Amino acid sequence: RKLESFNQETFQDRFRIFIDTKYQLTDRLFLGLNTLYNRSESSDF
């Protein structure tokens, strides 16, 4: 997301990425790993 606001000197640059994995071992057991990365640069008054 990129925001150039109607408020002067107010902006936002936001970036996000995720990777979710799951491996089914049995009908009752699984291994999984969920990852989420966020980076945001912003300004406000």
All heavy atoms as atom14 arrays in JSON, in Angstrom:
{
  "sequence": "RKLESFNQETFQDRFRIFIDTKYQLTDRLFLGLNTLYNRSESSDF",
  "atom14_mask": [
    [1, 1, 1, 1, 1, 1, 1, 1, 1, 1, 1, 0, 0, 0],
    [1, 1, 1, 1, 1, 1, 1, 1, 1, 0, 0, 0, 0, 0],
    [1, 1, 1, 1, 1, 1, 1, 1, 0, 0, 0, 0, 0, 0],
    [1, 1, 1, 1, 1, 1, 1, 1, 1, 0, 0, 0, 0, 0],
    [1, 1, 1, 1, 1, 1, 0, 0, 0, 0, 0, 0, 0, 0],
    [1, 1, 1, 1, 1, 1, 1, 1, 1, 1, 1, 0, 0, 0],
    [1, 1, 1, 1, 1, 1, 1, 1, 0, 0, 0, 0, 0, 0],
    [1, 1, 1, 1, 1, 1, 1, 1, 1, 0, 0, 0, 0, 0],
    [1, 1, 1, 1, 1, 1, 1, 1, 1, 0, 0, 0, 0, 0],
    [1, 1, 1, 1, 1, 1, 1, 0, 0, 0, 0, 0, 0, 0],
    [1, 1, 1, 1, 1, 1, 1, 1, 1, 1, 1, 0, 0, 0],
    [1, 1, 1, 1, 1, 1, 1, 1, 1, 0, 0, 0, 0, 0],
    [1, 1, 1, 1, 1, 1, 1, 1, 0, 0, 0, 0, 0, 0],
    [1, 1, 1, 1, 1, 1, 1, 1, 1, 1, 1, 0, 0, 0],
    [1, 1, 1, 1, 1, 1, 1, 1, 1, 1, 1, 0, 0, 0],
    [1, 1, 1, 1, 1, 1, 1, 1, 1, 1, 1, 0, 0, 0],
    [1, 1, 1, 1, 1, 1, 1, 1, 0, 0, 0, 0, 0, 0],
    [1, 1, 1, 1, 1, 1, 1, 1, 1, 1, 1, 0, 0, 0],
    [1, 1, 1, 1, 1, 1, 1, 1, 0, 0, 0, 0, 0, 0],
    [1, 1, 1, 1, 1, 1, 1, 1, 0, 0, 0, 0, 0, 0],
    [1, 1, 1, 1, 1, 1, 1, 0, 0, 0, 0, 0, 0, 0],
    [1, 1, 1, 1, 1, 1, 1, 1, 1, 0, 0, 0, 0, 0],
    [1, 1, 1, 1, 1, 1, 1, 1, 1, 1, 1, 1, 0, 0],
    [1, 1, 1, 1, 1, 1, 1, 1, 1, 0, 0, 0, 0, 0],
    [1, 1, 1, 1, 1, 1, 1, 1, 0, 0, 0, 0, 0, 0],
    [1, 1, 1, 1, 1, 1, 1, 0, 0, 0, 0, 0, 0, 0],
    [1, 1, 1, 1, 1, 1, 1, 1, 0, 0, 0, 0, 0, 0],
    [1, 1, 1, 1, 1, 1, 1, 1, 1, 1, 1, 0, 0, 0],
    [1, 1, 1, 1, 1, 1, 1, 1, 0, 0, 0, 0, 0, 0],
    [1, 1, 1, 1, 1, 1, 1, 1, 1, 1, 1, 0, 0, 0],
    [1, 1, 1, 1, 1, 1, 1, 1, 0, 0, 0, 0, 0, 0],
    [1, 1, 1, 1, 0, 0, 0, 0, 0, 0, 0, 0, 0, 0],
    [1, 1, 1, 1, 1, 1, 1, 1, 0, 0, 0, 0, 0, 0],
    [1, 1, 1, 1, 1, 1, 1, 1, 0, 0, 0, 0, 0, 0],
    [1, 1, 1, 1, 1, 1, 1, 0, 0, 0, 0, 0, 0, 0],
    [1, 1, 1, 1, 1, 1, 1, 1, 0, 0, 0, 0, 0, 0],
    [1, 1, 1, 1, 1, 1, 1, 1, 1, 1, 1, 1, 0, 0],
    [1, 1, 1, 1, 1, 1, 1, 1, 0, 0, 0, 0, 0, 0],
    [1, 1, 1, 1, 1, 1, 1, 1, 1, 1, 1, 0, 0, 0],
    [1, 1, 1, 1, 1, 1, 0, 0, 0, 0, 0, 0, 0, 0],
    [1, 1, 1, 1, 1, 1, 1, 1, 1, 0, 0, 0, 0, 0],
    [1, 1, 1, 1, 1, 1, 0, 0, 0, 0, 0, 0, 0, 0],
    [1, 1, 1, 1, 1, 1, 0, 0, 0, 0, 0, 0, 0, 0],
    [1, 1, 1, 1, 1, 1, 1, 1, 0, 0, 0, 0, 0, 0],
    [1, 1, 1, 1, 1, 1, 1, 1, 1, 1, 1, 0, 0, 0]
  ],
  "atom14_positions": [
    [[0.84, -1.2, 0.0], [0.0, 0.0, 0.0], [0.88, 1.25, 0.0], [1.87, 1.33, 0.74], [-0.91, 0.05, 1.23], [-1.88, 1.23, 1.18], [-2.59, 1.45, 2.48], [-3.64, 2.45, 2.34], [-4.21, 3.09, 3.37], [-3.84, 2.84, 4.6], [-5.16, 4.0, 3.15], [0.0, 0.0, 0.0], [0.0, 0.0, 0.0], [0.0, 0.0, 0.0]],
    [[0.51, 2.22, -0.85], [1.18, 3.52, -0.88], [0.13, 4.6, -0.73], [-0.85, 4.64, -1.48], [1.94, 3.7, -2.2], [2.72, 5.01, -2.27], [3.57, 5.09, -3.52], [4.35, 6.41, -3.58], [5.3, 6.55, -2.45], [0.0, 0.0, 0.0], [0.0, 0.0, 0.0], [0.0, 0.0, 0.0], [0.0, 0.0, 0.0], [0.0, 0.0, 0.0]],
    [[0.33, 5.46, 0.26], [-0.61, 6.54, 0.55], [0.12, 7.87, 0.53], [1.12, 8.06, 1.22], [-1.25, 6.33, 1.93], [-2.04, 7.51, 2.5], [-3.29, 7.78, 1.67], [-2.41, 7.28, 3.97], [0.0, 0.0, 0.0], [0.0, 0.0, 0.0], [0.0, 0.0, 0.0], [0.0, 0.0, 0.0], [0.0, 0.0, 0.0], [0.0, 0.0, 0.0]],
    [[-0.37, 8.78, -0.3], [0.05, 10.18, -0.29], [-1.18, 10.98, 0.14], [-2.08, 11.23, -0.65], [0.54, 10.62, -1.67], [1.81, 9.93, -2.14], [3.03, 10.33, -1.32], [2.97, 11.37, -0.63], [4.04, 9.6, -1.38], [0.0, 0.0, 0.0], [0.0, 0.0, 0.0], [0.0, 0.0, 0.0], [0.0, 0.0, 0.0], [0.0, 0.0, 0.0]],
    [[-1.23, 11.36, 1.4], [-2.45, 11.89, 2.0], [-2.71, 13.35, 1.63], [-1.81, 14.07, 1.2], [-2.37, 11.75, 3.53], [-3.48, 12.34, 4.15], [0.0, 0.0, 0.0], [0.0, 0.0, 0.0], [0.0, 0.0, 0.0], [0.0, 0.0, 0.0], [0.0, 0.0, 0.0], [0.0, 0.0, 0.0], [0.0, 0.0, 0.0], [0.0, 0.0, 0.0]],
    [[-3.97, 13.76, 1.83], [-4.33, 15.17, 1.66], [-3.8, 16.0, 2.82], [-3.8, 17.22, 2.76], [-5.86, 15.33, 1.55], [-6.62, 14.66, 2.65], [-6.78, 15.26, 3.88], [-7.17, 13.41, 2.45], [-7.49, 14.64, 4.89], [-7.88, 12.77, 3.45], [-8.04, 13.4, 4.68], [0.0, 0.0, 0.0], [0.0, 0.0, 0.0], [0.0, 0.0, 0.0]],
    [[-3.35, 15.33, 3.91], [-2.63, 16.03, 4.98], [-1.16, 16.15, 4.57], [-0.51, 15.14, 4.27], [-2.75, 15.28, 6.3], [-4.13, 15.4, 6.91], [-4.76, 16.45, 6.81], [-4.59, 14.33, 7.53], [0.0, 0.0, 0.0], [0.0, 0.0, 0.0], [0.0, 0.0, 0.0], [0.0, 0.0, 0.0], [0.0, 0.0, 0.0], [0.0, 0.0, 0.0]],
    [[-0.64, 17.33, 4.56], [0.72, 17.56, 4.1], [1.74, 16.8, 4.96], [1.59, 16.7, 6.18], [1.03, 19.05, 4.12], [2.32, 19.42, 3.4], [2.56, 20.92, 3.4], [2.12, 21.63, 4.3], [3.23, 21.42, 2.36], [0.0, 0.0, 0.0], [0.0, 0.0, 0.0], [0.0, 0.0, 0.0], [0.0, 0.0, 0.0], [0.0, 0.0, 0.0]],
    [[2.76, 16.26, 4.28], [3.83, 15.51, 4.92], [3.33, 14.23, 5.6], [4.0, 13.68, 6.48], [4.6, 16.37, 5.93], [5.3, 17.57, 5.3], [6.21, 18.27, 6.27], [6.99, 17.58, 6.95], [6.12, 19.52, 6.36], [0.0, 0.0, 0.0], [0.0, 0.0, 0.0], [0.0, 0.0, 0.0], [0.0, 0.0, 0.0], [0.0, 0.0, 0.0]],
    [[2.16, 13.77, 5.21], [1.61, 12.52, 5.74], [1.6, 11.48, 4.62], [1.03, 11.72, 3.55], [0.18, 12.72, 6.27], [0.21, 13.66, 7.34], [-0.41, 11.41, 6.76], [0.0, 0.0, 0.0], [0.0, 0.0, 0.0], [0.0, 0.0, 0.0], [0.0, 0.0, 0.0], [0.0, 0.0, 0.0], [0.0, 0.0, 0.0], [0.0, 0.0, 0.0]],
    [[2.23, 10.36, 4.89], [2.31, 9.31, 3.88], [2.41, 7.95, 4.57], [2.61, 7.86, 5.8], [3.53, 9.51, 2.97], [4.85, 9.27, 3.67], [5.46, 8.01, 3.64], [5.48, 10.3, 4.37], [6.65, 7.8, 4.3], [6.68, 10.07, 5.02], [7.27, 8.82, 4.99], [0.0, 0.0, 0.0], [0.0, 0.0, 0.0], [0.0, 0.0, 0.0]],
    [[2.28, 6.9, 3.79], [2.49, 5.54, 4.29], [2.94, 4.64, 3.15], [2.34, 4.65, 2.07], [1.21, 4.96, 4.91], [1.41, 3.57, 5.51], [0.11, 2.95, 6.01], [-0.79, 2.65, 5.23], [0.0, 2.78, 7.32], [0.0, 0.0, 0.0], [0.0, 0.0, 0.0], [0.0, 0.0, 0.0], [0.0, 0.0, 0.0], [0.0, 0.0, 0.0]],
    [[4.0, 3.87, 3.39], [4.46, 2.8, 2.5], [4.46, 1.52, 3.33], [5.28, 1.38, 4.26], [5.86, 3.08, 1.96], [5.84, 4.1, 0.83], [4.93, 4.01, 0.0], [6.71, 4.99, 0.81], [0.0, 0.0, 0.0], [0.0, 0.0, 0.0], [0.0, 0.0, 0.0], [0.0, 0.0, 0.0], [0.0, 0.0, 0.0], [0.0, 0.0, 0.0]],
    [[3.55, 0.6, 3.0], [3.42, -0.63, 3.79], [3.62, -1.85, 2.88], [3.08, -1.9, 1.77], [2.04, -0.71, 4.44], [1.78, -2.01, 5.2], [0.38, -2.04, 5.79], [0.25, -1.06, 6.85], [0.64, -1.27, 8.12], [1.19, -2.43, 8.45], [0.48, -0.34, 9.03], [0.0, 0.0, 0.0], [0.0, 0.0, 0.0], [0.0, 0.0, 0.0]],
    [[4.39, -2.79, 3.38], [4.67, -4.02, 2.63], [4.48, -5.21, 3.56], [4.9, -5.17, 4.73], [6.1, -4.0, 2.08], [6.54, -5.3, 1.47], [6.07, -5.69, 0.23], [7.39, -6.15, 2.16], [6.46, -6.9, -0.32], [7.8, -7.35, 1.62], [7.33, -7.73, 0.36], [0.0, 0.0, 0.0], [0.0, 0.0, 0.0], [0.0, 0.0, 0.0]],
    [[3.84, -6.27, 3.06], [3.59, -7.46, 3.87], [3.74, -8.7, 3.0], [3.34, -8.71, 1.83], [2.18, -7.41, 4.48], [1.79, -8.67, 5.24], [0.47, -8.52, 5.96], [-0.66, -8.3, 5.09], [-1.45, -7.23, 5.13], [-1.21, -6.27, 5.99], [-2.46, -7.09, 4.3], [0.0, 0.0, 0.0], [0.0, 0.0, 0.0], [0.0, 0.0, 0.0]],
    [[4.3, -9.77, 3.58], [4.39, -11.05, 2.9], [4.19, -12.16, 3.93], [4.59, -12.01, 5.09], [5.75, -11.22, 2.17], [5.75, -12.49, 1.33], [6.91, -11.2, 3.16], [6.95, -12.62, 0.42], [0.0, 0.0, 0.0], [0.0, 0.0, 0.0], [0.0, 0.0, 0.0], [0.0, 0.0, 0.0], [0.0, 0.0, 0.0], [0.0, 0.0, 0.0]],
    [[3.53, -13.23, 3.52], [3.31, -14.36, 4.44], [3.52, -15.67, 3.7], [3.3, -15.77, 2.49], [1.9, -14.32, 5.05], [0.8, -14.6, 4.07], [0.37, -15.9, 3.82], [0.17, -13.56, 3.4], [-0.64, -16.15, 2.91], [-0.84, -13.8, 2.48], [-1.24, -15.11, 2.24], [0.0, 0.0, 0.0], [0.0, 0.0, 0.0], [0.0, 0.0, 0.0]],
    [[3.94, -16.68, 4.44], [4.06, -18.05, 3.95], [3.55, -18.98, 5.04], [4.07, -18.98, 6.15], [5.52, -18.42, 3.58], [6.07, -17.47, 2.51], [5.6, -19.86, 3.09], [7.53, -17.71, 2.2], [0.0, 0.0, 0.0], [0.0, 0.0, 0.0], [0.0, 0.0, 0.0], [0.0, 0.0, 0.0], [0.0, 0.0, 0.0], [0.0, 0.0, 0.0]],
    [[2.51, -19.75, 4.72], [1.93, -20.71, 5.66], [2.07, -22.11, 5.08], [1.7, -22.34, 3.92], [0.45, -20.41, 5.92], [0.22, -18.97, 6.38], [1.14, -18.42, 7.0], [-0.86, -18.43, 6.11], [0.0, 0.0, 0.0], [0.0, 0.0, 0.0], [0.0, 0.0, 0.0], [0.0, 0.0, 0.0], [0.0, 0.0, 0.0], [0.0, 0.0, 0.0]],
    [[2.58, -23.04, 5.88], [2.76, -24.42, 5.42], [2.22, -25.39, 6.47], [2.26, -25.1, 7.67], [4.24, -24.74, 5.14], [4.98, -24.56, 6.35], [4.8, -23.83, 4.07], [0.0, 0.0, 0.0], [0.0, 0.0, 0.0], [0.0, 0.0, 0.0], [0.0, 0.0, 0.0], [0.0, 0.0, 0.0], [0.0, 0.0, 0.0], [0.0, 0.0, 0.0]],
    [[1.74, -26.53, 5.99], [1.28, -27.59, 6.89], [1.47, -28.95, 6.22], [1.13, -29.11, 5.05], [-0.19, -27.39, 7.27], [-0.69, -28.43, 8.27], [-2.01, -28.02, 8.9], [-3.15, -28.07, 7.93], [-4.45, -27.82, 8.59], [0.0, 0.0, 0.0], [0.0, 0.0, 0.0], [0.0, 0.0, 0.0], [0.0, 0.0, 0.0], [0.0, 0.0, 0.0]],
    [[2.04, -29.9, 6.96], [2.27, -31.25, 6.46], [1.52, -32.23, 7.34], [1.75, -32.3, 8.56], [3.76, -31.58, 6.42], [4.07, -32.91, 5.77], [4.15, -33.02, 4.39], [4.26, -34.05, 6.54], [4.42, -34.24, 3.78], [4.54, -35.27, 5.94], [4.61, -35.36, 4.56], [4.87, -36.57, 3.97], [0.0, 0.0, 0.0], [0.0, 0.0, 0.0]],
    [[0.62, -33.01, 6.74], [-0.23, -33.95, 7.48], [0.53, -35.25, 7.7], [0.83, -35.97, 6.75], [-1.52, -34.21, 6.72], [-2.61, -34.87, 7.54], [-3.39, -33.87, 8.37], [-3.56, -32.73, 7.95], [-3.86, -34.29, 9.52], [0.0, 0.0, 0.0], [0.0, 0.0, 0.0], [0.0, 0.0, 0.0], [0.0, 0.0, 0.0], [0.0, 0.0, 0.0]],
    [[0.86, -35.56, 8.96], [1.54, -36.82, 9.27], [0.55, -37.97, 9.36], [0.74, -39.02, 8.76], [2.31, -36.68, 10.59], [3.46, -35.67, 10.58], [4.08, -35.57, 11.97], [4.52, -36.08, 9.56], [0.0, 0.0, 0.0], [0.0, 0.0, 0.0], [0.0, 0.0, 0.0], [0.0, 0.0, 0.0], [0.0, 0.0, 0.0], [0.0, 0.0, 0.0]],
    [[-0.52, -37.79, 10.14], [-1.61, -38.77, 10.26], [-2.92, -38.0, 10.22], [-2.93, -36.79, 10.03], [-1.5, -39.57, 11.57], [-1.74, -38.68, 12.68], [-0.11, -40.19, 11.73], [0.0, 0.0, 0.0], [0.0, 0.0, 0.0], [0.0, 0.0, 0.0], [0.0, 0.0, 0.0], [0.0, 0.0, 0.0], [0.0, 0.0, 0.0], [0.0, 0.0, 0.0]],
    [[-4.04, -38.71, 10.41], [-5.33, -38.03, 10.4], [-5.52, -37.16, 11.64], [-6.44, -36.35, 11.69], [-6.47, -39.05, 10.29], [-6.42, -40.08, 11.41], [-5.33, -40.3, 11.96], [-7.47, -40.68, 11.73], [0.0, 0.0, 0.0], [0.0, 0.0, 0.0], [0.0, 0.0, 0.0], [0.0, 0.0, 0.0], [0.0, 0.0, 0.0], [0.0, 0.0, 0.0]],
    [[-4.65, -37.29, 12.66], [-4.78, -36.5, 13.88], [-3.54, -35.65, 14.19], [-3.54, -34.91, 15.16], [-5.05, -37.41, 15.08], [-6.37, -38.15, 15.02], [-6.53, -39.08, 16.21], [-7.81, -39.78, 16.16], [-8.92, -39.33, 16.73], [-8.9, -38.19, 17.38], [-10.05, -40.02, 16.65], [0.0, 0.0, 0.0], [0.0, 0.0, 0.0], [0.0, 0.0, 0.0]],
    [[-2.49, -35.77, 13.39], [-1.24, -35.11, 13.69], [-0.67, -34.45, 12.45], [-0.63, -35.05, 11.38], [-0.22, -36.12, 14.25], [1.15, -35.56, 14.66], [1.01, -34.6, 15.83], [2.09, -36.71, 15.02], [0.0, 0.0, 0.0], [0.0, 0.0, 0.0], [0.0, 0.0, 0.0], [0.0, 0.0, 0.0], [0.0, 0.0, 0.0], [0.0, 0.0, 0.0]],
    [[-0.21, -33.19, 12.58], [0.4, -32.49, 11.47], [1.51, -31.57, 11.98], [1.55, -31.22, 13.16], [-0.63, -31.68, 10.67], [-1.23, -30.52, 11.42], [-0.61, -29.28, 11.42], [-2.41, -30.67, 12.13], [-1.14, -28.21, 12.11], [-2.95, -29.6, 12.82], [-2.32, -28.37, 12.81], [0.0, 0.0, 0.0], [0.0, 0.0, 0.0], [0.0, 0.0, 0.0]],
    [[2.41, -31.22, 11.09], [3.45, -30.23, 11.37], [3.16, -28.99, 10.53], [2.79, -29.1, 9.36], [4.84, -30.78, 11.01], [5.32, -32.0, 11.79], [6.67, -32.47, 11.25], [5.45, -31.68, 13.27], [0.0, 0.0, 0.0], [0.0, 0.0, 0.0], [0.0, 0.0, 0.0], [0.0, 0.0, 0.0], [0.0, 0.0, 0.0], [0.0, 0.0, 0.0]],
    [[3.34, -27.81, 11.12], [3.04, -26.59, 10.38], [3.94, -25.45, 10.81], [4.49, -25.44, 11.92], [0.0, 0.0, 0.0], [0.0, 0.0, 0.0], [0.0, 0.0, 0.0], [0.0, 0.0, 0.0], [0.0, 0.0, 0.0], [0.0, 0.0, 0.0], [0.0, 0.0, 0.0], [0.0, 0.0, 0.0], [0.0, 0.0, 0.0], [0.0, 0.0, 0.0]],
    [[4.1, -24.47, 9.91], [4.86, -23.27, 10.2], [4.22, -22.1, 9.46], [4.12, -22.11, 8.23], [6.32, -23.42, 9.78], [7.21, -22.19, 10.0], [7.33, -21.9, 11.5], [8.58, -22.39, 9.38], [0.0, 0.0, 0.0], [0.0, 0.0, 0.0], [0.0, 0.0, 0.0], [0.0, 0.0, 0.0], [0.0, 0.0, 0.0], [0.0, 0.0, 0.0]],
    [[3.76, -21.1, 10.22], [3.18, -19.9, 9.65], [4.11, -18.72, 9.91], [4.55, -18.51, 11.05], [1.81, -19.61, 10.27], [0.79, -20.68, 9.94], [0.94, -21.4, 8.97], [-0.23, -20.81, 10.78], [0.0, 0.0, 0.0], [0.0, 0.0, 0.0], [0.0, 0.0, 0.0], [0.0, 0.0, 0.0], [0.0, 0.0, 0.0], [0.0, 0.0, 0.0]],
    [[4.43, -17.98, 8.87], [5.29, -16.81, 9.01], [4.61, -15.58, 8.42], [3.89, -15.68, 7.43], [6.64, -17.02, 8.29], [6.41, -17.26, 6.9], [7.38, -18.22, 8.89], [0.0, 0.0, 0.0], [0.0, 0.0, 0.0], [0.0, 0.0, 0.0], [0.0, 0.0, 0.0], [0.0, 0.0, 0.0], [0.0, 0.0, 0.0], [0.0, 0.0, 0.0]],
    [[4.84, -14.43, 9.05], [4.24, -13.17, 8.6], [5.26, -12.05, 8.81], [5.75, -11.85, 9.92], [2.96, -12.89, 9.39], [2.2, -11.61, 9.07], [1.7, -11.62, 7.64], [1.02, -11.43, 10.04], [0.0, 0.0, 0.0], [0.0, 0.0, 0.0], [0.0, 0.0, 0.0], [0.0, 0.0, 0.0], [0.0, 0.0, 0.0], [0.0, 0.0, 0.0]],
    [[5.57, -11.33, 7.73], [6.54, -10.24, 7.78], [5.86, -8.94, 7.37], [5.22, -8.87, 6.33], [7.72, -10.53, 6.84], [8.71, -9.4, 6.71], [9.73, -9.24, 7.65], [8.63, -8.49, 5.67], [10.65, -8.2, 7.53], [9.53, -7.45, 5.54], [10.55, -7.3, 6.47], [11.45, -6.28, 6.36], [0.0, 0.0, 0.0], [0.0, 0.0, 0.0]],
    [[6.0, -7.91, 8.21], [5.42, -6.6, 7.95], [6.49, -5.53, 8.06], [7.31, -5.55, 8.98], [4.31, -6.28, 8.96], [2.97, -6.89, 8.58], [2.23, -6.33, 7.79], [2.67, -8.04, 9.15], [0.0, 0.0, 0.0], [0.0, 0.0, 0.0], [0.0, 0.0, 0.0], [0.0, 0.0, 0.0], [0.0, 0.0, 0.0], [0.0, 0.0, 0.0]],
    [[6.46, -4.59, 7.13], [7.34, -3.43, 7.18], [6.54, -2.2, 6.76], [5.87, -2.22, 5.72], [8.57, -3.61, 6.29], [9.54, -2.43, 6.34], [10.75, -2.68, 5.45], [11.63, -1.52, 5.4], [12.57, -1.26, 6.29], [12.76, -2.08, 7.3], [13.34, -0.18, 6.17], [0.0, 0.0, 0.0], [0.0, 0.0, 0.0], [0.0, 0.0, 0.0]],
    [[6.62, -1.16, 7.56], [5.83, 0.04, 7.29], [6.65, 1.28, 7.6], [7.28, 1.38, 8.66], [4.55, 0.04, 8.14], [3.85, 1.27, 8.0], [0.0, 0.0, 0.0], [0.0, 0.0, 0.0], [0.0, 0.0, 0.0], [0.0, 0.0, 0.0], [0.0, 0.0, 0.0], [0.0, 0.0, 0.0], [0.0, 0.0, 0.0], [0.0, 0.0, 0.0]],
    [[6.62, 2.23, 6.67], [7.23, 3.54, 6.87], [6.14, 4.59, 6.7], [5.45, 4.62, 5.66], [8.36, 3.77, 5.86], [9.12, 5.06, 6.08], [10.29, 5.21, 5.13], [10.51, 4.29, 4.31], [10.96, 6.26, 5.2], [0.0, 0.0, 0.0], [0.0, 0.0, 0.0], [0.0, 0.0, 0.0], [0.0, 0.0, 0.0], [0.0, 0.0, 0.0]],
    [[5.95, 5.42, 7.7], [4.83, 6.36, 7.66], [5.18, 7.67, 8.36], [6.18, 7.77, 9.08], [3.59, 5.74, 8.34], [3.86, 5.46, 9.7], [0.0, 0.0, 0.0], [0.0, 0.0, 0.0], [0.0, 0.0, 0.0], [0.0, 0.0, 0.0], [0.0, 0.0, 0.0], [0.0, 0.0, 0.0], [0.0, 0.0, 0.0], [0.0, 0.0, 0.0]],
    [[4.33, 8.65, 8.13], [4.49, 9.96, 8.75], [3.11, 10.54, 9.03], [2.16, 10.31, 8.26], [5.29, 10.89, 7.82], [5.34, 12.19, 8.36], [0.0, 0.0, 0.0], [0.0, 0.0, 0.0], [0.0, 0.0, 0.0], [0.0, 0.0, 0.0], [0.0, 0.0, 0.0], [0.0, 0.0, 0.0], [0.0, 0.0, 0.0], [0.0, 0.0, 0.0]],
    [[3.0, 11.3, 10.12], [1.71, 11.89, 10.5], [1.96, 13.1, 11.39], [3.08, 13.32, 11.86], [0.87, 10.85, 11.24], [-0.62, 11.18, 11.2], [-0.97, 12.25, 10.66], [-1.42, 10.38, 11.7], [0.0, 0.0, 0.0], [0.0, 0.0, 0.0], [0.0, 0.0, 0.0], [0.0, 0.0, 0.0], [0.0, 0.0, 0.0], [0.0, 0.0, 0.0]],
    [[0.9, 13.89, 11.61], [0.99, 15.0, 12.56], [-0.31, 15.12, 13.32], [-1.33, 14.51, 12.95], [1.35, 16.32, 11.85], [0.31, 16.82, 10.89], [-0.78, 17.56, 11.34], [0.41, 16.57, 9.53], [-1.74, 18.03, 10.46], [-0.54, 17.04, 8.64], [-1.63, 17.76, 9.11], [0.0, 0.0, 0.0], [0.0, 0.0, 0.0], [0.0, 0.0, 0.0]]
  ]
}
